[in-house]
Protein backbone atom coordinates (compact mmCIF):
# COMPACT_ATOMS: atom_id res chain seq x y z
CA MET A 1 15.80 1.30 6.69
CA SER A 2 15.06 4.94 5.93
CA ALA A 3 12.09 6.02 3.87
CA THR A 4 12.67 6.59 0.16
CA ILE A 5 11.45 9.84 -1.36
CA VAL A 6 10.98 11.34 -4.81
CA ILE A 7 10.88 15.14 -5.04
CA ALA A 8 9.19 16.88 -7.96
CA ASP A 9 9.17 20.66 -8.28
CA ASP A 10 9.92 22.83 -11.28
CA GLU A 11 11.96 25.21 -9.09
CA SER A 12 15.44 23.74 -8.67
CA ILE A 13 16.15 25.74 -5.50
CA ILE A 14 13.14 24.17 -3.77
CA ARG A 15 14.23 20.68 -4.85
CA LEU A 16 17.73 21.38 -3.55
CA ASP A 17 16.47 22.72 -0.21
CA LEU A 18 14.08 19.80 0.24
CA LYS A 19 16.76 17.26 -0.61
CA GLU A 20 19.18 18.81 1.86
CA ILE A 21 16.56 18.93 4.66
CA LEU A 22 15.41 15.34 4.02
CA GLU A 23 18.85 13.78 3.67
CA SER A 24 20.12 15.54 6.80
CA ALA A 25 17.16 13.94 8.63
CA GLY A 26 18.16 10.48 7.36
CA TYR A 27 15.69 10.09 4.50
CA ASP A 28 16.85 8.61 1.19
CA VAL A 29 16.02 10.91 -1.74
CA VAL A 30 16.01 8.46 -4.66
CA GLY A 31 14.86 10.80 -7.41
CA GLU A 32 14.26 14.41 -8.40
CA ALA A 33 12.17 15.78 -11.24
CA ALA A 34 11.30 19.20 -12.63
CA ARG A 35 8.29 17.96 -14.59
CA GLY A 36 5.21 16.02 -13.60
CA ASP A 37 5.56 13.44 -16.37
CA GLU A 38 9.16 12.75 -15.25
CA ALA A 39 7.96 12.40 -11.66
CA LEU A 40 5.26 9.94 -12.73
CA ALA A 41 7.82 7.75 -14.52
CA MET A 42 10.16 7.88 -11.50
CA ILE A 43 7.42 6.90 -9.08
CA HIS A 44 6.43 3.94 -11.26
CA ASN A 45 10.05 2.82 -11.63
CA LEU A 46 11.35 3.47 -8.09
CA LEU A 47 8.19 2.93 -6.00
CA PRO A 48 9.29 5.35 -3.27
CA ASP A 49 7.64 5.43 0.14
CA LEU A 50 6.82 9.11 -0.37
CA ALA A 51 6.45 11.50 -3.31
CA LEU A 52 6.62 15.24 -2.67
CA LEU A 53 4.95 16.85 -5.68
CA ASP A 54 4.55 20.50 -6.56
CA VAL A 55 1.00 21.33 -7.59
CA LYS A 56 1.98 23.38 -10.64
CA MET A 57 4.58 21.74 -12.90
CA PRO A 58 5.08 21.42 -16.63
CA GLY A 59 4.09 18.11 -18.22
CA LEU A 60 1.56 17.02 -15.58
CA ASP A 61 0.50 18.85 -12.46
CA GLY A 62 0.97 17.27 -9.04
CA ILE A 63 -2.69 16.36 -8.65
CA GLU A 64 -2.74 14.47 -11.96
CA VAL A 65 0.44 12.60 -11.02
CA ALA A 66 -1.18 11.71 -7.67
CA ARG A 67 -4.29 10.48 -9.47
CA GLN A 68 -2.19 8.26 -11.76
CA VAL A 69 -0.20 6.66 -8.93
CA GLN A 70 -3.22 5.82 -6.77
CA GLY A 71 -3.04 2.18 -5.83
CA LEU A 72 0.74 2.14 -5.58
CA ARG A 73 2.29 1.97 -2.14
CA THR A 74 3.66 5.51 -2.52
CA THR A 75 2.24 8.16 -0.20
CA VAL A 76 1.74 11.48 -2.01
CA VAL A 77 2.18 14.90 -0.42
CA LEU A 78 1.57 18.05 -2.46
CA LEU A 79 3.73 21.15 -2.26
CA THR A 80 1.83 24.35 -2.93
CA ALA A 81 2.09 28.09 -2.53
CA PHE A 82 -1.71 28.24 -2.34
CA SER A 83 -4.21 26.97 0.19
CA GLN A 84 -7.36 27.09 -1.90
CA ARG A 85 -10.42 25.08 -0.92
CA ASP A 86 -11.03 23.58 -4.39
CA LEU A 87 -7.37 22.54 -4.59
CA ILE A 88 -7.63 20.70 -1.27
CA GLU A 89 -10.78 18.89 -2.37
CA SER A 90 -9.40 17.81 -5.75
CA ALA A 91 -6.15 16.72 -4.05
CA ARG A 92 -8.11 14.57 -1.57
CA ASP A 93 -10.05 12.99 -4.47
CA ALA A 94 -6.72 12.17 -6.17
CA GLY A 95 -5.51 10.24 -3.12
CA VAL A 96 -3.15 12.88 -1.73
CA SER A 97 -2.33 12.25 1.94
CA ALA A 98 -1.43 15.84 2.84
CA TYR A 99 -0.19 19.09 1.46
CA LEU A 100 2.53 21.47 2.58
CA VAL A 101 2.29 25.20 1.97
CA LYS A 102 5.45 26.90 0.71
CA PRO A 103 7.65 28.31 2.05
CA PHE A 104 8.27 25.65 4.71
CA ARG A 105 10.85 25.29 7.44
CA SER A 106 12.49 22.01 8.39
CA ALA A 107 11.13 22.38 11.96
CA GLU A 108 7.58 22.12 10.51
CA LEU A 109 8.31 19.86 7.55
CA LEU A 110 10.11 16.94 9.25
CA PRO A 111 7.59 16.21 12.04
CA LYS A 112 4.71 16.39 9.55
CA LEU A 113 6.43 13.99 7.11
CA ALA A 114 7.26 11.60 9.96
CA ARG A 115 3.58 11.54 10.97
CA ILE A 116 2.45 11.01 7.37
CA LEU A 117 4.91 8.13 6.83
CA ASN A 118 3.94 6.51 10.15
CA GLN A 119 0.24 6.75 9.29
CA SER A 120 0.74 5.18 5.88
CA SER A 121 2.78 2.27 7.27
CA GLU A 122 0.24 1.73 10.06
CA SER A 123 -2.67 1.72 7.62
CA GLY A 124 -0.78 -0.80 5.48
CA ASN A 125 -0.34 -3.02 8.54
CA GLU A 126 -4.03 -2.70 9.43
CA GLU A 127 -5.02 -3.66 5.89
CA ALA A 128 -2.72 -6.70 5.98
CA GLU A 129 -4.14 -7.74 9.36
CA ALA A 130 -7.70 -7.36 8.08
CA ARG A 131 -6.88 -9.48 5.01
CA ALA A 132 -5.33 -12.16 7.26
CA VAL A 133 -8.46 -12.26 9.44
CA ASP A 134 -10.69 -12.47 6.35
CA ASP A 135 -8.51 -15.29 4.99
CA LYS A 136 -8.80 -17.24 8.26
CA ILE A 137 -12.58 -16.84 8.30
CA GLU A 138 -12.88 -17.95 4.67
CA THR A 139 -10.59 -20.91 5.36
CA ARG A 140 -12.74 -22.01 8.29
CA GLU A 141 -15.86 -21.79 6.14
CA VAL A 142 -14.33 -23.81 3.29
CA VAL A 143 -12.98 -26.45 5.68
CA GLN A 144 -16.38 -26.66 7.39
CA GLN A 145 -18.13 -27.22 4.04
CA ALA A 146 -15.54 -29.86 3.10
CA LYS A 147 -16.05 -31.66 6.43
CA ILE A 148 -19.81 -31.78 5.81
CA ARG A 149 -19.21 -33.16 2.32
CA LEU A 150 -16.79 -35.83 3.59
CA MET A 151 -19.21 -36.80 6.37
CA ALA A 152 -21.97 -37.29 3.80
CA ASP A 153 -19.82 -38.96 1.10
CA ARG A 154 -17.77 -41.26 3.33
CA GLY A 155 -20.00 -41.67 6.37
CA VAL A 156 -17.29 -40.45 8.77
CA SER A 157 -17.60 -38.34 11.92
CA GLU A 158 -16.79 -34.62 11.96
CA ASP A 159 -13.52 -35.30 13.82
CA GLU A 160 -12.53 -37.95 11.27
CA ALA A 161 -13.33 -35.61 8.38
CA PHE A 162 -11.22 -32.84 9.95
CA THR A 163 -8.34 -35.24 10.61
CA LEU A 164 -8.48 -36.45 7.00
CA ILE A 165 -8.26 -32.87 5.68
CA GLN A 166 -5.50 -31.98 8.15
CA HIS A 167 -3.37 -35.08 7.42
CA THR A 168 -3.78 -34.66 3.66
CA ALA A 169 -2.62 -31.04 3.96
CA MET A 170 0.44 -32.07 5.98
CA ARG A 171 1.29 -34.99 3.69
CA THR A 172 0.98 -32.91 0.51
CA ARG A 173 2.43 -29.77 2.15
CA SER A 174 -0.67 -27.83 1.16
CA ARG A 175 -2.89 -25.46 3.06
CA MET A 176 -5.98 -26.99 4.64
CA ARG A 177 -8.00 -24.52 2.59
CA ASP A 178 -6.58 -25.93 -0.65
CA VAL A 179 -7.34 -29.53 0.41
CA ALA A 180 -10.88 -28.48 1.41
CA THR A 181 -11.35 -26.81 -1.98
CA THR A 182 -10.27 -30.07 -3.66
CA VAL A 183 -12.92 -31.95 -1.63
CA LEU A 184 -15.58 -29.42 -2.62
CA ARG A 185 -14.67 -29.87 -6.30
CA GLY A 186 -15.47 -33.55 -5.86
CA GLU A 187 -11.87 -34.72 -6.26
CA SER A 188 -10.55 -37.53 -4.09
CA ILE A 189 -8.13 -36.97 -1.21
CA GLY A 190 -6.27 -39.20 1.28
């Protein structure tokens, strides 16, 4: 599946050029806007993989749009005719992944966008992997606490406590973590 992109620039010729370059490279341009407030609404509605936003637009500027879509899965790249230091710093604070200086050529634009999109999907995978590891660790800790409680309450061995949690989870089609949490709340299982 190709990446979805929203383009926002108040100059229609730039939007047209960008759309042509991106679509010829296999990207799916799902929306275009001439104003920042329109771009913001599109990003919220369409949740594109990437938003290319001009820095200076009517309605809202690109940095403010970027600030307001932080936390969404959309990667934001600013389009600018300027390369000012304060602009770069405020863009970074707003969660912008990169910026492209106009005018740009497809030979420079496409490899840079491919890198940006790959980095954002890799970081999403890393975050998911980290959450999965954290979940496994927390599950082990909860199950361990539940085993200790069952050993004390029922006078069973550690293996028997584990087996009880495991069999209850299988029988009720629950996660072991959920069964262990039930034990820790003092509710009866198995």
